[in-house]
Amino acid sequence: MRRIARATAGALFASAIVLGTAGTAAAQEQETGTVYVVHGIPDTPVDVYVDGERALDDFQPGTTEGPLDLPAGPKQVAIYPADAADDSGEALLSGEADVPAGGNVTLAAHLTAEGQPTLSPLVNEVGEVPAGEARVVVRHLAAAPAVDVLAGGEPVVQGLTNPNQEALEVPAGTVSASVAAAGTTEPVIGPAELSLTEGTTTFVHAIGSLEQDSLELVTFTVNGGDSAPHGVPAGAPSGAPAESFPAGWAALSVAGVALVGFSLARLRTLGRR
């Protein structure tokens, strides 16, 4: 197992950008980017507007949307309480995000560590995965202090803080994963069974609030990272013997998070609880 990256993540809630509704010939010829949306703000169904048009209606907490193919370029995103008459009132959150041509990104609406709603953009690394392996990206987007991610009861990611993420690659398979306060092993989320298929990338988001007892995991999986077989290494990529892998982690793979091609222009949070 190799740890690829821990990167500050912005998670995004441009979920709205489901406005692949307009279909002029010019738009069809325009370059596009792939967008996934994560709703991580508890007890807050919302409507999502993109460039002044409602794109998602009654979007529920703890759910995801995607993949959405959107025209590349800057998008003005605004989040309103569900069933608002229009976008003329006060937005819960708003921001301007840039969808990169040919890129793959996550837009997430979530809570900061202190419990304030925010918008964050995340680049999704969905490139080639070594033969026989899967990739997993763990993201801390919850109102909670630092956490450890456990597999088989053993920590495999330690001290992860909001809004950061950790990426790993390991043999494909099934693993029982949970989240605990940093330095402890008592789960505050899970355990949950993750089925990791060879060549896939699974994104695991810890969302909600520890204080409000609303912590949960939201996941989605992206296919297409298969690679030609290159043989199976005899030991851990670092040179350590394979026996040093934590028990039960043989299936959990998290890939590097390359923050390439995604720019967030003047993202600002105008959030209120």
C-alpha atoms as a PDB file:
ATOM      1  CA  MET A   1       0.000   0.000   0.000  1.00  0.00           C
ATOM      2  CA  ARG A   2       1.351   3.404  -0.782  1.00  0.00           C
ATOM      3  CA  ARG A   3       0.190   6.738   0.451  1.00  0.00           C
ATOM      4  CA  ILE A   4      -0.037   9.008  -2.557  1.00  0.00           C
ATOM      5  CA  ALA A   5      -1.176  12.396  -1.325  1.00  0.00           C
ATOM      6  CA  ARG A   6      -2.875  14.501   1.295  1.00  0.00           C
ATOM      7  CA  ALA A   7      -4.200  17.673  -0.223  1.00  0.00           C
ATOM      8  CA  THR A   8      -6.309  20.494   1.021  1.00  0.00           C
ATOM      9  CA  ALA A   9      -9.640  19.944  -0.563  1.00  0.00           C
ATOM     10  CA  GLY A  10     -12.407  22.276  -1.346  1.00  0.00           C
ATOM     11  CA  ALA A  11     -15.480  20.355  -1.772  1.00  0.00           C
ATOM     12  CA  LEU A  12     -17.981  22.149  -3.767  1.00  0.00           C
ATOM     13  CA  PHE A  13     -21.539  22.350  -4.040  1.00  0.00           C
ATOM     14  CA  ALA A  14     -21.743  23.268  -7.604  1.00  0.00           C
ATOM     15  CA  SER A  15     -23.914  20.301  -7.708  1.00  0.00           C
ATOM     16  CA  ALA A  16     -26.222  22.507  -9.469  1.00  0.00           C
ATOM     17  CA  ILE A  17     -24.320  22.461 -12.572  1.00  0.00           C
ATOM     18  CA  VAL A  18     -26.691  19.942 -13.941  1.00  0.00           C
ATOM     19  CA  LEU A  19     -27.647  22.452 -16.462  1.00  0.00           C
ATOM     20  CA  GLY A  20     -26.616  20.453 -19.414  1.00  0.00           C
ATOM     21  CA  THR A  21     -30.113  21.403 -20.467  1.00  0.00           C
ATOM     22  CA  ALA A  22     -29.399  23.966 -23.139  1.00  0.00           C
ATOM     23  CA  GLY A  23     -28.477  22.217 -26.319  1.00  0.00           C
ATOM     24  CA  THR A  24     -27.475  24.555 -29.075  1.00  0.00           C
ATOM     25  CA  ALA A  25     -25.052  23.303 -31.671  1.00  0.00           C
ATOM     26  CA  ALA A  26     -22.440  25.734 -30.383  1.00  0.00           C
ATOM     27  CA  ALA A  27     -22.778  24.406 -26.854  1.00  0.00           C
ATOM     28  CA  GLN A  28     -22.498  20.839 -28.089  1.00  0.00           C
ATOM     29  CA  GLU A  29     -19.225  21.668 -29.766  1.00  0.00           C
ATOM     30  CA  GLN A  30     -17.889  23.358 -26.656  1.00  0.00           C
ATOM     31  CA  GLU A  31     -15.414  21.493 -24.497  1.00  0.00           C
ATOM     32  CA  THR A  32     -16.842  20.021 -21.325  1.00  0.00           C
ATOM     33  CA  GLY A  33     -15.740  18.907 -17.856  1.00  0.00           C
ATOM     34  CA  THR A  34     -17.105  16.151 -15.614  1.00  0.00           C
ATOM     35  CA  VAL A  35     -18.632  17.230 -12.310  1.00  0.00           C
ATOM     36  CA  TYR A  36     -19.831  15.281  -9.263  1.00  0.00           C
ATOM     37  CA  VAL A  37     -21.814  17.003  -6.523  1.00  0.00           C
ATOM     38  CA  VAL A  38     -21.843  16.116  -2.805  1.00  0.00           C
ATOM     39  CA  HIS A  39     -24.385  17.520  -0.337  1.00  0.00           C
ATOM     40  CA  GLY A  40     -22.859  17.341   3.134  1.00  0.00           C
ATOM     41  CA  ILE A  41     -24.861  19.902   5.144  1.00  0.00           C
ATOM     42  CA  PRO A  42     -27.226  18.065   7.536  1.00  0.00           C
ATOM     43  CA  ASP A  43     -30.957  18.763   7.670  1.00  0.00           C
ATOM     44  CA  THR A  44     -30.807  21.259   4.799  1.00  0.00           C
ATOM     45  CA  PRO A  45     -32.551  20.331   1.544  1.00  0.00           C
ATOM     46  CA  VAL A  46     -31.570  22.929  -1.043  1.00  0.00           C
ATOM     47  CA  ASP A  47     -32.151  24.198  -4.552  1.00  0.00           C
ATOM     48  CA  VAL A  48     -29.048  24.814  -6.617  1.00  0.00           C
ATOM     49  CA  TYR A  49     -28.811  27.594  -9.171  1.00  0.00           C
ATOM     50  CA  VAL A  50     -26.154  27.862 -11.849  1.00  0.00           C
ATOM     51  CA  ASP A  51     -25.783  31.127 -13.720  1.00  0.00           C
ATOM     52  CA  GLY A  52     -29.202  32.191 -12.418  1.00  0.00           C
ATOM     53  CA  GLU A  53     -31.064  29.036 -13.502  1.00  0.00           C
ATOM     54  CA  ARG A  54     -32.318  26.333 -11.126  1.00  0.00           C
ATOM     55  CA  ALA A  55     -30.276  23.216 -11.857  1.00  0.00           C
ATOM     56  CA  LEU A  56     -31.069  20.966  -8.862  1.00  0.00           C
ATOM     57  CA  ASP A  57     -34.386  21.007  -7.075  1.00  0.00           C
ATOM     58  CA  ASP A  58     -34.854  19.730  -3.518  1.00  0.00           C
ATOM     59  CA  PHE A  59     -31.328  18.279  -3.321  1.00  0.00           C
ATOM     60  CA  GLN A  60     -31.193  16.165  -0.157  1.00  0.00           C
ATOM     61  CA  PRO A  61     -28.352  16.011   2.422  1.00  0.00           C
ATOM     62  CA  GLY A  62     -26.138  12.934   2.342  1.00  0.00           C
ATOM     63  CA  THR A  63     -26.589  12.377  -1.396  1.00  0.00           C
ATOM     64  CA  THR A  64     -24.537  12.866  -4.556  1.00  0.00           C
ATOM     65  CA  GLU A  65     -25.231  13.775  -8.175  1.00  0.00           C
ATOM     66  CA  GLY A  66     -23.105  12.901 -11.173  1.00  0.00           C
ATOM     67  CA  PRO A  67     -21.367  12.432 -13.419  1.00  0.00           C
ATOM     68  CA  LEU A  68     -22.516  15.653 -15.045  1.00  0.00           C
ATOM     69  CA  ASP A  69     -20.957  16.790 -18.319  1.00  0.00           C
ATOM     70  CA  LEU A  70     -20.940  20.584 -18.214  1.00  0.00           C
ATOM     71  CA  PRO A  71     -19.594  23.172 -20.630  1.00  0.00           C
ATOM     72  CA  ALA A  72     -16.136  24.243 -19.528  1.00  0.00           C
ATOM     73  CA  GLY A  73     -15.652  27.696 -18.081  1.00  0.00           C
ATOM     74  CA  PRO A  74     -16.640  29.842 -15.101  1.00  0.00           C
ATOM     75  CA  LYS A  75     -19.964  29.105 -13.399  1.00  0.00           C
ATOM     76  CA  GLN A  76     -21.788  31.240 -10.847  1.00  0.00           C
ATOM     77  CA  VAL A  77     -23.241  28.867  -8.262  1.00  0.00           C
ATOM     78  CA  ALA A  78     -25.803  29.795  -5.600  1.00  0.00           C
ATOM     79  CA  ILE A  79     -27.471  27.567  -3.002  1.00  0.00           C
ATOM     80  CA  TYR A  80     -30.936  28.444  -1.654  1.00  0.00           C
ATOM     81  CA  PRO A  81     -33.299  26.739   0.812  1.00  0.00           C
ATOM     82  CA  ALA A  82     -35.334  24.072  -0.977  1.00  0.00           C
ATOM     83  CA  ASP A  83     -38.453  25.287  -2.778  1.00  0.00           C
ATOM     84  CA  ALA A  84     -37.460  28.951  -2.655  1.00  0.00           C
ATOM     85  CA  ALA A  85     -39.660  30.913  -5.045  1.00  0.00           C
ATOM     86  CA  ASP A  86     -36.635  31.991  -7.073  1.00  0.00           C
ATOM     87  CA  ASP A  87     -33.023  33.096  -6.646  1.00  0.00           C
ATOM     88  CA  SER A  88     -33.842  36.643  -5.578  1.00  0.00           C
ATOM     89  CA  GLY A  89     -33.628  36.018  -1.814  1.00  0.00           C
ATOM     90  CA  GLU A  90     -30.584  35.505   0.376  1.00  0.00           C
ATOM     91  CA  ALA A  91     -28.423  32.565  -0.651  1.00  0.00           C
ATOM     92  CA  LEU A  92     -27.172  30.078   1.912  1.00  0.00           C
ATOM     93  CA  LEU A  93     -23.943  29.822  -0.089  1.00  0.00           C
ATOM     94  CA  SER A  94     -22.629  31.256  -3.305  1.00  0.00           C
ATOM     95  CA  GLY A  95     -19.418  31.230  -5.274  1.00  0.00           C
ATOM     96  CA  GLU A  96     -17.832  31.296  -8.721  1.00  0.00           C
ATOM     97  CA  ALA A  97     -16.159  28.086  -9.845  1.00  0.00           C
ATOM     98  CA  ASP A  98     -14.315  27.216 -13.027  1.00  0.00           C
ATOM     99  CA  VAL A  99     -15.071  23.894 -14.736  1.00  0.00           C
ATOM    100  CA  PRO A 100     -11.892  22.784 -16.539  1.00  0.00           C
ATOM    101  CA  ALA A 101     -12.106  21.407 -20.069  1.00  0.00           C
ATOM    102  CA  GLY A 102     -11.589  17.649 -19.914  1.00  0.00           C
ATOM    103  CA  GLY A 103     -11.275  17.776 -16.111  1.00  0.00           C
ATOM    104  CA  ASN A 104     -13.035  15.738 -13.426  1.00  0.00           C
ATOM    105  CA  VAL A 105     -14.022  17.581 -10.251  1.00  0.00           C
ATOM    106  CA  THR A 106     -16.205  17.322  -7.172  1.00  0.00           C
ATOM    107  CA  LEU A 107     -18.229  20.270  -5.933  1.00  0.00           C
ATOM    108  CA  ALA A 108     -19.291  19.888  -2.310  1.00  0.00           C
ATOM    109  CA  ALA A 109     -21.452  21.816   0.072  1.00  0.00           C
ATOM    110  CA  HIS A 110     -20.393  20.837   3.589  1.00  0.00           C
ATOM    111  CA  LEU A 111     -19.585  22.075   7.077  1.00  0.00           C
ATOM    112  CA  THR A 112     -16.262  23.474   8.203  1.00  0.00           C
ATOM    113  CA  ALA A 113     -14.594  21.955  11.259  1.00  0.00           C
ATOM    114  CA  GLU A 114     -16.329  24.710  13.274  1.00  0.00           C
ATOM    115  CA  GLY A 115     -19.741  23.856  11.820  1.00  0.00           C
ATOM    116  CA  GLN A 116     -20.216  26.654   9.261  1.00  0.00           C
ATOM    117  CA  PRO A 117     -21.633  25.871   5.769  1.00  0.00           C
ATOM    118  CA  THR A 118     -19.087  26.242   2.993  1.00  0.00           C
ATOM    119  CA  LEU A 119     -18.426  25.395  -0.646  1.00  0.00           C
ATOM    120  CA  SER A 120     -15.314  23.449  -1.617  1.00  0.00           C
ATOM    121  CA  PRO A 121     -13.884  22.270  -4.989  1.00  0.00           C
ATOM    122  CA  LEU A 122     -11.959  19.011  -5.279  1.00  0.00           C
ATOM    123  CA  VAL A 123     -10.060  17.622  -8.232  1.00  0.00           C
ATOM    124  CA  ASN A 124     -10.830  13.928  -8.814  1.00  0.00           C
ATOM    125  CA  GLU A 125      -7.780  11.862  -9.735  1.00  0.00           C
ATOM    126  CA  VAL A 126      -9.296   9.146 -11.913  1.00  0.00           C
ATOM    127  CA  GLY A 127      -6.288   8.123 -13.979  1.00  0.00           C
ATOM    128  CA  GLU A 128      -4.779   4.684 -14.470  1.00  0.00           C
ATOM    129  CA  VAL A 129      -4.663   2.359 -11.467  1.00  0.00           C
ATOM    130  CA  PRO A 130      -2.004  -0.406 -11.278  1.00  0.00           C
ATOM    131  CA  ALA A 131      -3.207  -3.871 -12.318  1.00  0.00           C
ATOM    132  CA  GLY A 132      -4.937  -5.737  -9.509  1.00  0.00           C
ATOM    133  CA  GLU A 133      -5.459  -2.588  -7.461  1.00  0.00           C
ATOM    134  CA  ALA A 134      -8.132  -0.007  -6.736  1.00  0.00           C
ATOM    135  CA  ARG A 135      -7.909   3.599  -5.636  1.00  0.00           C
ATOM    136  CA  VAL A 136      -9.634   5.210  -2.653  1.00  0.00           C
ATOM    137  CA  VAL A 137      -9.689   8.887  -1.745  1.00  0.00           C
ATOM    138  CA  VAL A 138     -10.812   9.711   1.808  1.00  0.00           C
ATOM    139  CA  ARG A 139     -12.100  13.259   2.400  1.00  0.00           C
ATOM    140  CA  HIS A 140     -12.816  14.928   5.757  1.00  0.00           C
ATOM    141  CA  LEU A 141     -15.716  17.342   5.175  1.00  0.00           C
ATOM    142  CA  ALA A 142     -17.414  17.141   8.573  1.00  0.00           C
ATOM    143  CA  ALA A 143     -17.804  19.444  11.567  1.00  0.00           C
ATOM    144  CA  ALA A 144     -15.384  17.416  13.651  1.00  0.00           C
ATOM    145  CA  PRO A 145     -11.757  17.520  14.817  1.00  0.00           C
ATOM    146  CA  ALA A 146      -8.982  15.405  13.304  1.00  0.00           C
ATOM    147  CA  VAL A 147      -9.883  11.781  12.614  1.00  0.00           C
ATOM    148  CA  ASP A 148      -8.216   8.461  11.884  1.00  0.00           C
ATOM    149  CA  VAL A 149      -9.543   6.106   9.208  1.00  0.00           C
ATOM    150  CA  LEU A 150      -9.503   2.466  10.323  1.00  0.00           C
ATOM    151  CA  ALA A 151      -9.491  -0.738   8.294  1.00  0.00           C
ATOM    152  CA  GLY A 152      -9.846  -3.990  10.169  1.00  0.00           C
ATOM    153  CA  GLY A 153      -9.633  -1.966  13.380  1.00  0.00           C
ATOM    154  CA  GLU A 154      -6.190  -0.577  12.520  1.00  0.00           C
ATOM    155  CA  PRO A 155      -5.455   3.046  11.528  1.00  0.00           C
ATOM    156  CA  VAL A 156      -4.515   3.451   7.865  1.00  0.00           C
ATOM    157  CA  VAL A 157      -4.989   7.228   7.669  1.00  0.00           C
ATOM    158  CA  GLN A 158      -4.104   9.283  10.742  1.00  0.00           C
ATOM    159  CA  GLY A 159      -4.795  12.841  11.830  1.00  0.00           C
ATOM    160  CA  LEU A 160      -6.917  13.820   8.822  1.00  0.00           C
ATOM    161  CA  THR A 161      -8.444  17.293   9.246  1.00  0.00           C
ATOM    162  CA  ASN A 162     -11.235  19.205   7.503  1.00  0.00           C
ATOM    163  CA  PRO A 163     -11.044  19.998   4.551  1.00  0.00           C
ATOM    164  CA  ASN A 164      -8.187  17.652   3.685  1.00  0.00           C
ATOM    165  CA  GLN A 165      -8.043  14.331   1.880  1.00  0.00           C
ATOM    166  CA  GLU A 166      -5.776  11.299   1.732  1.00  0.00           C
ATOM    167  CA  ALA A 167      -5.186   9.021  -1.237  1.00  0.00           C
ATOM    168  CA  LEU A 168      -3.946   5.413  -1.294  1.00  0.00           C
ATOM    169  CA  GLU A 169      -3.615   2.525  -3.735  1.00  0.00           C
ATOM    170  CA  VAL A 170      -3.833  -1.129  -2.614  1.00  0.00           C
ATOM    171  CA  PRO A 171      -5.032  -4.510  -3.901  1.00  0.00           C
ATOM    172  CA  ALA A 172      -8.691  -4.579  -4.907  1.00  0.00           C
ATOM    173  CA  GLY A 173     -11.237  -6.340  -2.728  1.00  0.00           C
ATOM    174  CA  THR A 174     -13.619  -5.689   0.148  1.00  0.00           C
ATOM    175  CA  VAL A 175     -12.749  -3.917   3.379  1.00  0.00           C
ATOM    176  CA  SER A 176     -14.581  -2.911   6.542  1.00  0.00           C
ATOM    177  CA  ALA A 177     -13.706   0.746   7.125  1.00  0.00           C
ATOM    178  CA  SER A 178     -14.610   3.139   9.936  1.00  0.00           C
ATOM    179  CA  VAL A 179     -13.718   6.605  11.195  1.00  0.00           C
ATOM    180  CA  ALA A 180     -12.600   7.407  14.751  1.00  0.00           C
ATOM    181  CA  ALA A 181     -11.340  10.461  16.605  1.00  0.00           C
ATOM    182  CA  ALA A 182      -7.605  10.841  16.013  1.00  0.00           C
ATOM    183  CA  GLY A 183      -5.607   8.578  18.317  1.00  0.00           C
ATOM    184  CA  THR A 184      -8.581   6.355  19.176  1.00  0.00           C
ATOM    185  CA  THR A 185     -10.197   3.241  17.701  1.00  0.00           C
ATOM    186  CA  GLU A 186     -13.841   3.725  18.773  1.00  0.00           C
ATOM    187  CA  PRO A 187     -15.775   4.420  15.537  1.00  0.00           C
ATOM    188  CA  VAL A 188     -17.761   7.627  15.213  1.00  0.00           C
ATOM    189  CA  ILE A 189     -18.718   6.568  11.666  1.00  0.00           C
ATOM    190  CA  GLY A 190     -19.152   2.984  10.526  1.00  0.00           C
ATOM    191  CA  PRO A 191     -17.907   0.377  10.165  1.00  0.00           C
ATOM    192  CA  ALA A 192     -19.015   0.276   6.529  1.00  0.00           C
ATOM    193  CA  GLU A 193     -18.226  -2.333   3.905  1.00  0.00           C
ATOM    194  CA  LEU A 194     -16.392  -0.941   0.869  1.00  0.00           C
ATOM    195  CA  SER A 195     -16.266  -3.089  -2.245  1.00  0.00           C
ATOM    196  CA  LEU A 196     -13.297  -1.924  -4.308  1.00  0.00           C
ATOM    197  CA  THR A 197     -13.208  -3.244  -7.855  1.00  0.00           C
ATOM    198  CA  GLU A 198      -9.956  -3.417  -9.774  1.00  0.00           C
ATOM    199  CA  GLY A 199      -9.283  -0.254 -11.767  1.00  0.00           C
ATOM    200  CA  THR A 200     -11.880   1.904  -9.999  1.00  0.00           C
ATOM    201  CA  THR A 201     -11.504   4.998  -7.849  1.00  0.00           C
ATOM    202  CA  THR A 202     -13.834   5.310  -4.848  1.00  0.00           C
ATOM    203  CA  PHE A 203     -14.283   8.704  -3.177  1.00  0.00           C
ATOM    204  CA  VAL A 204     -15.310   8.495   0.488  1.00  0.00           C
ATOM    205  CA  HIS A 205     -16.589  11.695   2.157  1.00  0.00           C
ATOM    206  CA  ALA A 206     -17.071  12.067   5.914  1.00  0.00           C
ATOM    207  CA  ILE A 207     -19.863  14.629   6.320  1.00  0.00           C
ATOM    208  CA  GLY A 208     -22.205  15.944   9.009  1.00  0.00           C
ATOM    209  CA  SER A 209     -21.592  17.128  12.558  1.00  0.00           C
ATOM    210  CA  LEU A 210     -20.068  15.336  15.527  1.00  0.00           C
ATOM    211  CA  GLU A 211     -21.852  17.632  17.992  1.00  0.00           C
ATOM    212  CA  GLN A 212     -25.214  17.036  16.316  1.00  0.00           C
ATOM    213  CA  ASP A 213     -24.594  13.281  16.038  1.00  0.00           C
ATOM    214  CA  SER A 214     -25.132  13.417  12.279  1.00  0.00           C
ATOM    215  CA  LEU A 215     -21.836  12.043  10.964  1.00  0.00           C
ATOM    216  CA  GLU A 216     -22.048   9.731   7.964  1.00  0.00           C
ATOM    217  CA  LEU A 217     -20.163   8.591   4.876  1.00  0.00           C
ATOM    218  CA  VAL A 218     -21.112   9.521   1.323  1.00  0.00           C
ATOM    219  CA  THR A 219     -19.340   7.685  -1.495  1.00  0.00           C
ATOM    220  CA  PHE A 220     -19.254   7.430  -5.252  1.00  0.00           C
ATOM    221  CA  THR A 221     -17.103   5.337  -7.588  1.00  0.00           C
ATOM    222  CA  VAL A 222     -15.549   6.211 -10.934  1.00  0.00           C
ATOM    223  CA  ASN A 223     -14.631   3.478 -13.426  1.00  0.00           C
ATOM    224  CA  GLY A 224     -12.093   3.489 -16.211  1.00  0.00           C
ATOM    225  CA  GLY A 225      -8.747   3.329 -14.391  1.00  0.00           C
ATOM    226  CA  ASP A 226      -7.826  -0.172 -15.579  1.00  0.00           C
ATOM    227  CA  SER A 227      -4.261  -0.768 -16.696  1.00  0.00           C
ATOM    228  CA  ALA A 228      -2.459  -3.570 -18.459  1.00  0.00           C
ATOM    229  CA  PRO A 229      -1.056  -6.208 -16.047  1.00  0.00           C
ATOM    230  CA  HIS A 230       2.523  -5.533 -15.013  1.00  0.00           C
ATOM    231  CA  GLY A 231       2.991  -8.317 -12.503  1.00  0.00           C
ATOM    232  CA  VAL A 232       2.495  -8.268  -8.761  1.00  0.00           C
ATOM    233  CA  PRO A 233       5.186  -6.655  -6.578  1.00  0.00           C
ATOM    234  CA  ALA A 234       6.730  -8.947  -3.977  1.00  0.00           C
ATOM    235  CA  GLY A 235       6.545  -6.357  -1.209  1.00  0.00           C
ATOM    236  CA  ALA A 236       5.171  -2.988  -0.230  1.00  0.00           C
ATOM    237  CA  PRO A 237       6.022  -0.150  -2.640  1.00  0.00           C
ATOM    238  CA  SER A 238       8.082   1.499   0.072  1.00  0.00           C
ATOM    239  CA  GLY A 239      10.252  -1.593   0.355  1.00  0.00           C
ATOM    240  CA  ALA A 240       8.637  -2.711   3.587  1.00  0.00           C
ATOM    241  CA  PRO A 241       7.487  -6.360   3.698  1.00  0.00           C
ATOM    242  CA  ALA A 242       3.876  -7.020   2.787  1.00  0.00           C
ATOM    243  CA  GLU A 243       3.208  -8.309   6.316  1.00  0.00           C
ATOM    244  CA  SER A 244       3.451  -4.739   7.572  1.00  0.00           C
ATOM    245  CA  PHE A 245       0.132  -3.840   5.920  1.00  0.00           C
ATOM    246  CA  PRO A 246      -2.626  -3.348   8.515  1.00  0.00           C
ATOM    247  CA  ALA A 247      -4.977  -6.333   8.720  1.00  0.00           C
ATOM    248  CA  GLY A 248      -8.144  -5.849   6.701  1.00  0.00           C
ATOM    249  CA  TRP A 249      -6.648  -3.067   4.599  1.00  0.00           C
ATOM    250  CA  ALA A 250      -5.625  -5.291   1.737  1.00  0.00           C
ATOM    251  CA  ALA A 251      -8.552  -3.966  -0.268  1.00  0.00           C
ATOM    252  CA  LEU A 252      -8.453  -0.282   0.442  1.00  0.00           C
ATOM    253  CA  SER A 253      -6.743   1.715  -2.258  1.00  0.00           C
ATOM    254  CA  VAL A 254      -6.554   5.447  -2.403  1.00  0.00           C
ATOM    255  CA  ALA A 255      -4.985   7.271  -5.253  1.00  0.00           C
ATOM    256  CA  GLY A 256      -2.972  10.401  -5.534  1.00  0.00           C
ATOM    257  CA  VAL A 257      -4.912  13.590  -5.718  1.00  0.00           C
ATOM    258  CA  ALA A 258      -3.350  15.690  -8.456  1.00  0.00           C
ATOM    259  CA  LEU A 259      -4.684  19.181  -8.187  1.00  0.00           C
ATOM    260  CA  VAL A 260      -4.216  19.835 -11.874  1.00  0.00           C
ATOM    261  CA  GLY A 261      -6.412  21.713 -14.251  1.00  0.00           C
ATOM    262  CA  PHE A 262      -8.986  22.911 -11.731  1.00  0.00           C
ATOM    263  CA  SER A 263      -9.062  26.520 -10.685  1.00  0.00           C
ATOM    264  CA  LEU A 264     -11.491  28.067  -8.277  1.00  0.00           C
ATOM    265  CA  ALA A 265     -12.041  31.718  -9.044  1.00  0.00           C
ATOM    266  CA  ARG A 266     -12.931  33.880  -6.102  1.00  0.00           C
ATOM    267  CA  LEU A 267     -14.804  31.207  -4.203  1.00  0.00           C
ATOM    268  CA  ARG A 268     -16.537  32.930  -1.384  1.00  0.00           C
ATOM    269  CA  THR A 269     -18.838  31.624   1.269  1.00  0.00           C
ATOM    270  CA  LEU A 270     -21.845  33.716   2.094  1.00  0.00           C
ATOM    271  CA  GLY A 271     -23.170  30.919   4.287  1.00  0.00           C
ATOM    272  CA  ARG A 272     -25.402  31.016   7.212  1.00  0.00           C
ATOM    273  CA  ARG A 273     -26.523  28.113   9.365  1.00  0.00           C
END
